[in-house]
PDB file of N, CA and C in Angstrom:
ATOM      1  N   MET A   1       0.773  -1.277   0.466  1.00  0.00           N
ATOM      2  CA  MET A   1      -0.004   0.205   0.080  1.00  0.00           C
ATOM      3  C   MET A   1       0.595   1.422  -0.053  1.00  0.00           C
ATOM      4  N   ASN A   2       0.494   2.619  -0.741  1.00  0.00           N
ATOM      5  CA  ASN A   2       1.743   3.822  -0.764  1.00  0.00           C
ATOM      6  C   ASN A   2       0.149   4.586  -0.043  1.00  0.00           C
ATOM      7  N   ILE A   3       1.044   5.310   0.636  1.00  0.00           N
ATOM      8  CA  ILE A   3      -0.103   6.682   0.898  1.00  0.00           C
ATOM      9  C   ILE A   3       1.034   7.542   0.594  1.00  0.00           C
ATOM     10  N   SER A   4      -0.186   8.595  -0.041  1.00  0.00           N
ATOM     11  CA  SER A   4       0.540  10.071  -0.580  1.00  0.00           C
ATOM     12  C   SER A   4      -0.791  10.869   0.460  1.00  0.00           C
ATOM     13  N   LYS A   5       0.449  12.510   1.008  1.00  0.00           N
ATOM     14  CA  LYS A   5      -0.702  13.632   1.512  1.00  0.00           C
ATOM     15  C   LYS A   5      -0.428  14.562   1.106  1.00  0.00           C
ATOM     16  N   LYS A   6      -1.554  15.085   1.080  1.00  0.00           N
ATOM     17  CA  LYS A   6      -1.314  17.048   1.211  1.00  0.00           C
ATOM     18  C   LYS A   6      -1.792  18.048   1.344  1.00  0.00           C
ATOM     19  N   GLN A   7      -1.585  18.633   2.221  1.00  0.00           N
ATOM     20  CA  GLN A   7      -2.239  19.874   3.092  1.00  0.00           C
ATOM     21  C   GLN A   7      -2.508  20.893   2.232  1.00  0.00           C
ATOM     22  N   ASN A   8      -2.951  21.364   2.623  1.00  0.00           N
ATOM     23  CA  ASN A   8      -3.627  22.597   2.115  1.00  0.00           C
ATOM     24  C   ASN A   8      -4.326  23.683   3.035  1.00  0.00           C
ATOM     25  N   GLY A   9      -4.027  24.144   4.029  1.00  0.00           N
ATOM     26  CA  GLY A   9      -4.439  24.856   4.970  1.00  0.00           C
ATOM     27  C   GLY A   9      -4.648  23.829   6.293  1.00  0.00           C
ATOM     28  N   THR A  10      -5.861  24.012   6.004  1.00  0.00           N
ATOM     29  CA  THR A  10      -6.471  23.211   7.575  1.00  0.00           C
ATOM     30  C   THR A  10      -7.219  21.370   6.747  1.00  0.00           C
ATOM     31  N   SER A  11      -6.855  21.942   5.503  1.00  0.00           N
ATOM     32  CA  SER A  11      -7.474  20.669   5.045  1.00  0.00           C
ATOM     33  C   SER A  11      -6.314  19.274   4.380  1.00  0.00           C
ATOM     34  N   LEU A  12      -6.095  18.283   4.859  1.00  0.00           N
ATOM     35  CA  LEU A  12      -5.749  16.964   4.684  1.00  0.00           C
ATOM     36  C   LEU A  12      -6.316  16.576   3.757  1.00  0.00           C
ATOM     37  N   GLU A  13      -5.300  16.053   2.448  1.00  0.00           N
ATOM     38  CA  GLU A  13      -6.283  14.674   1.833  1.00  0.00           C
ATOM     39  C   GLU A  13      -5.021  13.703   1.787  1.00  0.00           C
ATOM     40  N   ILE A  14      -5.787  12.603   1.794  1.00  0.00           N
ATOM     41  CA  ILE A  14      -5.073  11.363   1.587  1.00  0.00           C
ATOM     42  C   ILE A  14      -5.009  10.738   0.710  1.00  0.00           C
ATOM     43  N   ALA A  15      -4.265  10.240  -0.089  1.00  0.00           N
ATOM     44  CA  ALA A  15      -4.899   9.316  -1.215  1.00  0.00           C
ATOM     45  C   ALA A  15      -3.913   7.985  -0.968  1.00  0.00           C
ATOM     46  N   VAL A  16      -4.743   6.462  -1.038  1.00  0.00           N
ATOM     47  CA  VAL A  16      -4.231   5.797  -0.549  1.00  0.00           C
ATOM     48  C   VAL A  16      -4.513   4.528  -1.682  1.00  0.00           C
ATOM     49  N   GLU A  17      -3.161   4.008  -2.087  1.00  0.00           N
ATOM     50  CA  GLU A  17      -3.334   3.221  -3.308  1.00  0.00           C
ATOM     51  C   GLU A  17      -3.314   1.667  -2.509  1.00  0.00           C
ATOM     52  N   GLY A  18      -3.349   0.566  -3.765  1.00  0.00           N
ATOM     53  CA  GLY A  18      -3.547  -0.820  -3.351  1.00  0.00           C
ATOM     54  C   GLY A  18      -4.509  -1.810  -2.228  1.00  0.00           C
ATOM     55  N   ARG A  19      -4.031  -2.122  -1.010  1.00  0.00           N
ATOM     56  CA  ARG A  19      -4.747  -2.648  -0.247  1.00  0.00           C
ATOM     57  C   ARG A  19      -4.792  -2.574   0.569  1.00  0.00           C
ATOM     58  N   LEU A  20      -6.226  -1.929   1.925  1.00  0.00           N
ATOM     59  CA  LEU A  20      -6.009  -1.421   3.211  1.00  0.00           C
ATOM     60  C   LEU A  20      -7.031  -2.794   3.700  1.00  0.00           C
ATOM     61  N   ASP A  21      -5.745  -3.649   4.395  1.00  0.00           N
ATOM     62  CA  ASP A  21      -6.265  -4.733   5.046  1.00  0.00           C
ATOM     63  C   ASP A  21      -5.718  -5.143   6.172  1.00  0.00           C
ATOM     64  N   THR A  22      -5.274  -6.205   7.079  1.00  0.00           N
ATOM     65  CA  THR A  22      -5.132  -6.116   8.572  1.00  0.00           C
ATOM     66  C   THR A  22      -3.350  -6.178   8.098  1.00  0.00           C
ATOM     67  N   THR A  23      -3.191  -6.111   7.042  1.00  0.00           N
ATOM     68  CA  THR A  23      -1.156  -5.926   7.006  1.00  0.00           C
ATOM     69  C   THR A  23      -1.331  -4.275   7.129  1.00  0.00           C
ATOM     70  N   THR A  24      -2.211  -3.642   6.529  1.00  0.00           N
ATOM     71  CA  THR A  24      -1.425  -2.356   5.727  1.00  0.00           C
ATOM     72  C   THR A  24      -2.443  -1.034   6.660  1.00  0.00           C
ATOM     73  N   ALA A  25      -3.542  -1.969   7.127  1.00  0.00           N
ATOM     74  CA  ALA A  25      -4.023  -0.312   8.398  1.00  0.00           C
ATOM     75  C   ALA A  25      -3.858  -0.168   9.157  1.00  0.00           C
ATOM     76  N   PRO A  26      -2.596  -0.881   9.721  1.00  0.00           N
ATOM     77  CA  PRO A  26      -1.982   0.369  10.788  1.00  0.00           C
ATOM     78  C   PRO A  26      -0.629   1.109  10.725  1.00  0.00           C
ATOM     79  N   GLU A  27      -0.359   1.196   9.052  1.00  0.00           N
ATOM     80  CA  GLU A  27      -0.204   2.116   8.563  1.00  0.00           C
ATOM     81  C   GLU A  27      -0.184   3.399   8.245  1.00  0.00           C
ATOM     82  N   LEU A  28      -2.061   3.384   7.431  1.00  0.00           N
ATOM     83  CA  LEU A  28      -2.686   4.123   7.598  1.00  0.00           C
ATOM     84  C   LEU A  28      -2.894   5.264   8.664  1.00  0.00           C
ATOM     85  N   GLU A  29      -3.701   4.099  10.157  1.00  0.00           N
ATOM     86  CA  GLU A  29      -3.740   4.708  11.170  1.00  0.00           C
ATOM     87  C   GLU A  29      -2.809   5.325  11.969  1.00  0.00           C
ATOM     88  N   GLU A  30      -1.281   5.176  11.606  1.00  0.00           N
ATOM     89  CA  GLU A  30      -0.566   5.730  12.221  1.00  0.00           C
ATOM     90  C   GLU A  30      -0.169   7.325  11.526  1.00  0.00           C
ATOM     91  N   GLU A  31      -0.399   7.329  10.049  1.00  0.00           N
ATOM     92  CA  GLU A  31      -0.295   8.199   8.901  1.00  0.00           C
ATOM     93  C   GLU A  31      -1.662   9.024   9.667  1.00  0.00           C
ATOM     94  N   LEU A  32      -2.880   8.580   9.920  1.00  0.00           N
ATOM     95  CA  LEU A  32      -3.941   9.531  10.360  1.00  0.00           C
ATOM     96  C   LEU A  32      -3.812  10.159  11.533  1.00  0.00           C
ATOM     97  N   SER A  33      -2.903   9.407  12.706  1.00  0.00           N
ATOM     98  CA  SER A  33      -2.837   9.919  13.636  1.00  0.00           C
ATOM     99  C   SER A  33      -1.709  11.025  14.153  1.00  0.00           C
ATOM    100  N   LYS A  34      -0.800  10.871  12.835  1.00  0.00           N
ATOM    101  CA  LYS A  34       0.652  12.002  12.849  1.00  0.00           C
ATOM    102  C   LYS A  34      -0.512  13.182  12.114  1.00  0.00           C
ATOM    103  N   SER A  35      -1.191  13.057  11.349  1.00  0.00           N
ATOM    104  CA  SER A  35      -1.161  14.053  10.617  1.00  0.00           C
ATOM    105  C   SER A  35      -3.194  14.447  10.512  1.00  0.00           C
ATOM    106  N   MET A  36      -3.718  14.025  11.246  1.00  0.00           N
ATOM    107  CA  MET A  36      -5.117  14.958  11.700  1.00  0.00           C
ATOM    108  C   MET A  36      -4.901  15.644  12.220  1.00  0.00           C
ATOM    109  N   PRO A  37      -4.427  15.873  13.692  1.00  0.00           N
ATOM    110  CA  PRO A  37      -4.496  16.745  14.773  1.00  0.00           C
ATOM    111  C   PRO A  37      -5.001  18.190  14.286  1.00  0.00           C
ATOM    112  N   GLY A  38      -3.914  18.913  12.948  1.00  0.00           N
ATOM    113  CA  GLY A  38      -4.006  19.996  12.705  1.00  0.00           C
ATOM    114  C   GLY A  38      -4.716  20.038  11.743  1.00  0.00           C
ATOM    115  N   ALA A  39      -5.702  19.148  11.143  1.00  0.00           N
ATOM    116  CA  ALA A  39      -6.664  19.254   9.598  1.00  0.00           C
ATOM    117  C   ALA A  39      -7.707  19.753  10.497  1.00  0.00           C
ATOM    118  N   GLN A  40      -9.054  20.357   9.736  1.00  0.00           N
ATOM    119  CA  GLN A  40      -9.828  20.777  10.109  1.00  0.00           C
ATOM    120  C   GLN A  40     -10.831  20.004   9.104  1.00  0.00           C
ATOM    121  N   SER A  41     -10.447  19.415   8.217  1.00  0.00           N
ATOM    122  CA  SER A  41     -11.540  18.755   7.148  1.00  0.00           C
ATOM    123  C   SER A  41     -10.031  17.485   6.816  1.00  0.00           C
ATOM    124  N   LEU A  42     -10.822  16.663   6.317  1.00  0.00           N
ATOM    125  CA  LEU A  42     -10.131  14.991   5.480  1.00  0.00           C
ATOM    126  C   LEU A  42     -10.905  14.688   4.750  1.00  0.00           C
ATOM    127  N   ILE A  43     -10.108  14.706   3.644  1.00  0.00           N
ATOM    128  CA  ILE A  43     -10.519  13.764   2.615  1.00  0.00           C
ATOM    129  C   ILE A  43      -9.324  12.901   1.770  1.00  0.00           C
ATOM    130  N   LEU A  44     -10.127  11.684   2.182  1.00  0.00           N
ATOM    131  CA  LEU A  44      -9.349  10.662   1.597  1.00  0.00           C
ATOM    132  C   LEU A  44      -9.948  10.032   0.264  1.00  0.00           C
ATOM    133  N   ASP A  45      -8.653   9.799  -0.724  1.00  0.00           N
ATOM    134  CA  ASP A  45      -9.133   9.588  -2.131  1.00  0.00           C
ATOM    135  C   ASP A  45      -8.711   8.142  -2.167  1.00  0.00           C
ATOM    136  N   PHE A  46      -9.496   7.228  -3.049  1.00  0.00           N
ATOM    137  CA  PHE A  46      -9.288   5.849  -2.952  1.00  0.00           C
ATOM    138  C   PHE A  46      -9.411   5.481  -4.579  1.00  0.00           C
ATOM    139  N   ALA A  47      -9.311   6.570  -5.424  1.00  0.00           N
ATOM    140  CA  ALA A  47      -8.650   6.299  -6.732  1.00  0.00           C
ATOM    141  C   ALA A  47      -8.152   4.889  -6.929  1.00  0.00           C
ATOM    142  N   ASN A  48      -6.962   4.675  -6.452  1.00  0.00           N
ATOM    143  CA  ASN A  48      -6.306   4.097  -6.521  1.00  0.00           C
ATOM    144  C   ASN A  48      -6.110   2.498  -5.791  1.00  0.00           C
ATOM    145  N   LEU A  49      -7.486   2.366  -4.623  1.00  0.00           N
ATOM    146  CA  LEU A  49      -7.538   1.371  -3.614  1.00  0.00           C
ATOM    147  C   LEU A  49      -8.214   0.134  -4.290  1.00  0.00           C
ATOM    148  N   ALA A  50      -7.920  -0.665  -4.021  1.00  0.00           N
ATOM    149  CA  ALA A  50      -8.707  -2.422  -4.795  1.00  0.00           C
ATOM    150  C   ALA A  50      -9.040  -2.648  -3.986  1.00  0.00           C
ATOM    151  N   TYR A  51      -8.737  -2.837  -2.566  1.00  0.00           N
ATOM    152  CA  TYR A  51      -9.444  -3.812  -1.937  1.00  0.00           C
ATOM    153  C   TYR A  51      -9.554  -2.793  -0.644  1.00  0.00           C
ATOM    154  N   ILE A  52     -10.435  -2.868   0.394  1.00  0.00           N
ATOM    155  CA  ILE A  52     -10.674  -2.872   2.235  1.00  0.00           C
ATOM    156  C   ILE A  52     -11.386  -4.207   2.565  1.00  0.00           C
ATOM    157  N   SER A  53     -10.642  -3.833   3.754  1.00  0.00           N
ATOM    158  CA  SER A  53     -10.971  -5.253   5.031  1.00  0.00           C
ATOM    159  C   SER A  53     -11.667  -4.513   5.857  1.00  0.00           C
ATOM    160  N   SER A  54     -12.045  -5.578   6.630  1.00  0.00           N
ATOM    161  CA  SER A  54     -12.660  -5.000   7.804  1.00  0.00           C
ATOM    162  C   SER A  54     -11.709  -3.903   8.449  1.00  0.00           C
ATOM    163  N   ALA A  55     -10.351  -4.330   9.160  1.00  0.00           N
ATOM    164  CA  ALA A  55      -9.521  -3.770   9.549  1.00  0.00           C
ATOM    165  C   ALA A  55      -9.289  -2.444   8.952  1.00  0.00           C
ATOM    166  N   GLY A  56      -9.345  -2.008   7.188  1.00  0.00           N
ATOM    167  CA  GLY A  56      -9.493  -0.616   7.005  1.00  0.00           C
ATOM    168  C   GLY A  56     -10.777  -0.190   7.391  1.00  0.00           C
ATOM    169  N   LEU A  57     -11.965  -0.794   7.576  1.00  0.00           N
ATOM    170  CA  LEU A  57     -13.175  -0.163   8.042  1.00  0.00           C
ATOM    171  C   LEU A  57     -12.862   0.521   9.596  1.00  0.00           C
ATOM    172  N   ARG A  58     -12.398  -0.469   9.885  1.00  0.00           N
ATOM    173  CA  ARG A  58     -12.338   0.370  11.578  1.00  0.00           C
ATOM    174  C   ARG A  58     -11.709   2.075  11.604  1.00  0.00           C
ATOM    175  N   VAL A  59     -10.521   1.745  10.446  1.00  0.00           N
ATOM    176  CA  VAL A  59      -9.418   2.965  10.882  1.00  0.00           C
ATOM    177  C   VAL A  59     -10.283   4.059  10.231  1.00  0.00           C
ATOM    178  N   LEU A  60     -11.396   3.796   9.305  1.00  0.00           N
ATOM    179  CA  LEU A  60     -12.197   4.773   8.397  1.00  0.00           C
ATOM    180  C   LEU A  60     -13.138   5.436   9.042  1.00  0.00           C
ATOM    181  N   LEU A  61     -13.675   4.340  10.064  1.00  0.00           N
ATOM    182  CA  LEU A  61     -14.656   4.407  11.436  1.00  0.00           C
ATOM    183  C   LEU A  61     -13.833   5.453  12.401  1.00  0.00           C
ATOM    184  N   ALA A  62     -13.087   5.120  12.835  1.00  0.00           N
ATOM    185  CA  ALA A  62     -12.077   5.943  13.807  1.00  0.00           C
ATOM    186  C   ALA A  62     -11.606   7.655  13.578  1.00  0.00           C
ATOM    187  N   ALA A  63     -11.154   7.525  12.196  1.00  0.00           N
ATOM    188  CA  ALA A  63     -11.043   8.746  11.437  1.00  0.00           C
ATOM    189  C   ALA A  63     -11.936   9.249  11.507  1.00  0.00           C
ATOM    190  N   HIS A  64     -13.357   8.909  10.930  1.00  0.00           N
ATOM    191  CA  HIS A  64     -14.962   9.631  10.703  1.00  0.00           C
ATOM    192  C   HIS A  64     -15.279  10.275  12.231  1.00  0.00           C
ATOM    193  N   LYS A  65     -14.895   9.397  12.768  1.00  0.00           N
ATOM    194  CA  LYS A  65     -15.469   9.613  14.346  1.00  0.00           C
ATOM    195  C   LYS A  65     -14.171  11.165  15.595  1.00  0.00           C
ATOM    196  N   ALA A  66     -13.179  10.847  14.675  1.00  0.00           N
ATOM    197  CA  ALA A  66     -11.776  11.972  14.863  1.00  0.00           C
ATOM    198  C   ALA A  66     -12.543  13.170  14.353  1.00  0.00           C
ATOM    199  N   MET A  67     -12.667  13.167  13.139  1.00  0.00           N
ATOM    200  CA  MET A  67     -13.166  14.255  12.323  1.00  0.00           C
ATOM    201  C   MET A  67     -14.409  15.327  12.518  1.00  0.00           C
ATOM    202  N   ALA A  68     -15.274  14.549  13.102  1.00  0.00           N
ATOM    203  CA  ALA A  68     -16.815  14.441  12.665  1.00  0.00           C
ATOM    204  C   ALA A  68     -16.930  16.155  13.381  1.00  0.00           C
ATOM    205  N   PRO A  69     -16.222  16.263  15.359  1.00  0.00           N
ATOM    206  CA  PRO A  69     -16.580  17.658  15.301  1.00  0.00           C
ATOM    207  C   PRO A  69     -16.251  18.595  15.032  1.00  0.00           C
ATOM    208  N   LYS A  70     -14.683  18.287  14.352  1.00  0.00           N
ATOM    209  CA  LYS A  70     -14.267  19.420  12.933  1.00  0.00           C
ATOM    210  C   LYS A  70     -15.157  20.050  11.447  1.00  0.00           C
ATOM    211  N   GLY A  71     -14.529  19.533  10.620  1.00  0.00           N
ATOM    212  CA  GLY A  71     -14.834  19.974   9.278  1.00  0.00           C
ATOM    213  C   GLY A  71     -15.459  18.834   8.796  1.00  0.00           C
ATOM    214  N   GLY A  72     -15.603  17.566   8.987  1.00  0.00           N
ATOM    215  CA  GLY A  72     -15.598  16.414   8.826  1.00  0.00           C
ATOM    216  C   GLY A  72     -14.837  15.751   7.903  1.00  0.00           C
ATOM    217  N   MET A  73     -15.444  14.569   7.515  1.00  0.00           N
ATOM    218  CA  MET A  73     -14.392  13.512   6.891  1.00  0.00           C
ATOM    219  C   MET A  73     -15.258  13.005   4.956  1.00  0.00           C
ATOM    220  N   LYS A  74     -14.155  13.338   4.133  1.00  0.00           N
ATOM    221  CA  LYS A  74     -15.219  13.169   2.837  1.00  0.00           C
ATOM    222  C   LYS A  74     -14.390  11.958   2.203  1.00  0.00           C
ATOM    223  N   VAL A  75     -14.555  11.175   1.502  1.00  0.00           N
ATOM    224  CA  VAL A  75     -13.952   9.465   0.779  1.00  0.00           C
ATOM    225  C   VAL A  75     -14.766   9.943  -0.632  1.00  0.00           C
ATOM    226  N   ILE A  76     -13.341  10.213  -1.583  1.00  0.00           N
ATOM    227  CA  ILE A  76     -13.378  10.239  -2.931  1.00  0.00           C
ATOM    228  C   ILE A  76     -13.102   9.516  -3.966  1.00  0.00           C
ATOM    229  N   HIS A  77     -13.873   9.583  -4.861  1.00  0.00           N
ATOM    230  CA  HIS A  77     -13.443   8.383  -6.187  1.00  0.00           C
ATOM    231  C   HIS A  77     -12.705   7.417  -5.376  1.00  0.00           C
ATOM    232  N   VAL A  78     -14.609   6.439  -4.960  1.00  0.00           N
ATOM    233  CA  VAL A  78     -14.264   4.915  -4.616  1.00  0.00           C
ATOM    234  C   VAL A  78     -14.825   4.300  -6.423  1.00  0.00           C
ATOM    235  N   ASN A  79     -14.170   3.299  -6.019  1.00  0.00           N
ATOM    236  CA  ASN A  79     -14.110   2.215  -7.314  1.00  0.00           C
ATOM    237  C   ASN A  79     -15.293   1.262  -6.952  1.00  0.00           C
ATOM    238  N   GLU A  80     -16.024   0.440  -7.751  1.00  0.00           N
ATOM    239  CA  GLU A  80     -17.077  -0.847  -7.269  1.00  0.00           C
ATOM    240  C   GLU A  80     -16.896  -1.131  -6.312  1.00  0.00           C
ATOM    241  N   ILE A  81     -15.866  -2.157  -6.458  1.00  0.00           N
ATOM    242  CA  ILE A  81     -15.347  -2.990  -5.456  1.00  0.00           C
ATOM    243  C   ILE A  81     -15.301  -2.577  -3.889  1.00  0.00           C
ATOM    244  N   VAL A  82     -14.782  -1.731  -3.620  1.00  0.00           N
ATOM    245  CA  VAL A  82     -15.091  -0.695  -2.170  1.00  0.00           C
ATOM    246  C   VAL A  82     -16.294  -0.234  -2.063  1.00  0.00           C
ATOM    247  N   GLN A  83     -17.084   0.417  -3.165  1.00  0.00           N
ATOM    248  CA  GLN A  83     -18.521   0.702  -2.898  1.00  0.00           C
ATOM    249  C   GLN A  83     -19.155  -0.215  -2.524  1.00  0.00           C
ATOM    250  N   GLU A  84     -19.184  -1.555  -2.955  1.00  0.00           N
ATOM    251  CA  GLU A  84     -19.405  -2.941  -2.314  1.00  0.00           C
ATOM    252  C   GLU A  84     -19.938  -2.830  -1.061  1.00  0.00           C
ATOM    253  N   VAL A  85     -18.329  -2.754  -0.653  1.00  0.00           N
ATOM    254  CA  VAL A  85     -18.483  -3.129   0.558  1.00  0.00           C
ATOM    255  C   VAL A  85     -18.815  -2.178   1.742  1.00  0.00           C
ATOM    256  N   PHE A  86     -18.736  -0.723   0.687  1.00  0.00           N
ATOM    257  CA  PHE A  86     -19.517   0.175   1.869  1.00  0.00           C
ATOM    258  C   PHE A  86     -20.834  -0.035   1.702  1.00  0.00           C
ATOM    259  N   ASP A  87     -21.427  -0.514   0.739  1.00  0.00           N
ATOM    260  CA  ASP A  87     -23.021  -1.079   0.574  1.00  0.00           C
ATOM    261  C   ASP A  87     -23.425  -2.071   1.814  1.00  0.00           C
ATOM    262  N   VAL A  88     -22.415  -2.743   1.227  1.00  0.00           N
ATOM    263  CA  VAL A  88     -22.907  -4.460   2.488  1.00  0.00           C
ATOM    264  C   VAL A  88     -22.704  -3.846   3.684  1.00  0.00           C
ATOM    265  N   THR A  89     -21.446  -3.007   4.281  1.00  0.00           N
ATOM    266  CA  THR A  89     -21.536  -3.022   5.405  1.00  0.00           C
ATOM    267  C   THR A  89     -22.561  -1.483   6.213  1.00  0.00           C
ATOM    268  N   GLY A  90     -22.850  -1.084   5.600  1.00  0.00           N
ATOM    269  CA  GLY A  90     -23.936  -0.018   6.023  1.00  0.00           C
ATOM    270  C   GLY A  90     -22.886   1.498   6.279  1.00  0.00           C
ATOM    271  N   PHE A  91     -21.478   1.374   5.530  1.00  0.00           N
ATOM    272  CA  PHE A  91     -20.580   2.164   5.813  1.00  0.00           C
ATOM    273  C   PHE A  91     -21.668   4.147   4.643  1.00  0.00           C
ATOM    274  N   VAL A  92     -21.475   3.507   3.267  1.00  0.00           N
ATOM    275  CA  VAL A  92     -22.568   4.616   3.182  1.00  0.00           C
ATOM    276  C   VAL A  92     -23.298   5.482   3.818  1.00  0.00           C
ATOM    277  N   ASP A  93     -23.810   4.828   4.803  1.00  0.00           N
ATOM    278  CA  ASP A  93     -25.263   5.429   5.752  1.00  0.00           C
ATOM    279  C   ASP A  93     -23.836   6.425   6.762  1.00  0.00           C
ATOM    280  N   ILE A  94     -22.897   5.966   7.119  1.00  0.00           N
ATOM    281  CA  ILE A  94     -22.118   6.772   7.635  1.00  0.00           C
ATOM    282  C   ILE A  94     -20.922   7.539   7.329  1.00  0.00           C
ATOM    283  N   LEU A  95     -20.809   6.647   6.362  1.00  0.00           N
ATOM    284  CA  LEU A  95     -19.246   8.364   5.459  1.00  0.00           C
ATOM    285  C   LEU A  95     -20.245   9.127   4.618  1.00  0.00           C
ATOM    286  N   ASP A  96     -19.641  10.276   4.418  1.00  0.00           N
ATOM    287  CA  ASP A  96     -20.133  10.973   3.288  1.00  0.00           C
ATOM    288  C   ASP A  96     -19.293  10.825   1.863  1.00  0.00           C
ATOM    289  N   ILE A  97     -19.847   9.813   0.546  1.00  0.00           N
ATOM    290  CA  ILE A  97     -19.279   9.764   0.227  1.00  0.00           C
ATOM    291  C   ILE A  97     -19.066  10.190  -1.455  1.00  0.00           C
ATOM    292  N   GLU A  98     -18.223  10.281  -2.441  1.00  0.00           N
ATOM    293  CA  GLU A  98     -18.206  11.405  -3.125  1.00  0.00           C
ATOM    294  C   GLU A  98     -17.938  10.368  -4.697  1.00  0.00           C
TER     295      GLU A  98
END
């Protein structure tokens, strides 16, 4: 998995590439815990995310809860495979997905 980030003022954009699973979720969790404190809004770009597991969903849920009192969190460029996971798990009702 590759993670890249862009900070634009108080907006943080993180792009995730590859697989977000049990092995890689701690890496994203660590990056978010380092980068989120100064951010008022978070954008997660999943254009190149091939797969997400329950471990990845747990990281997203924690980030969503942390960003909710601030400016919120948005997930963009979700492919069909990841969208199906969001649909089946009910994350479509929790996350702001574009």
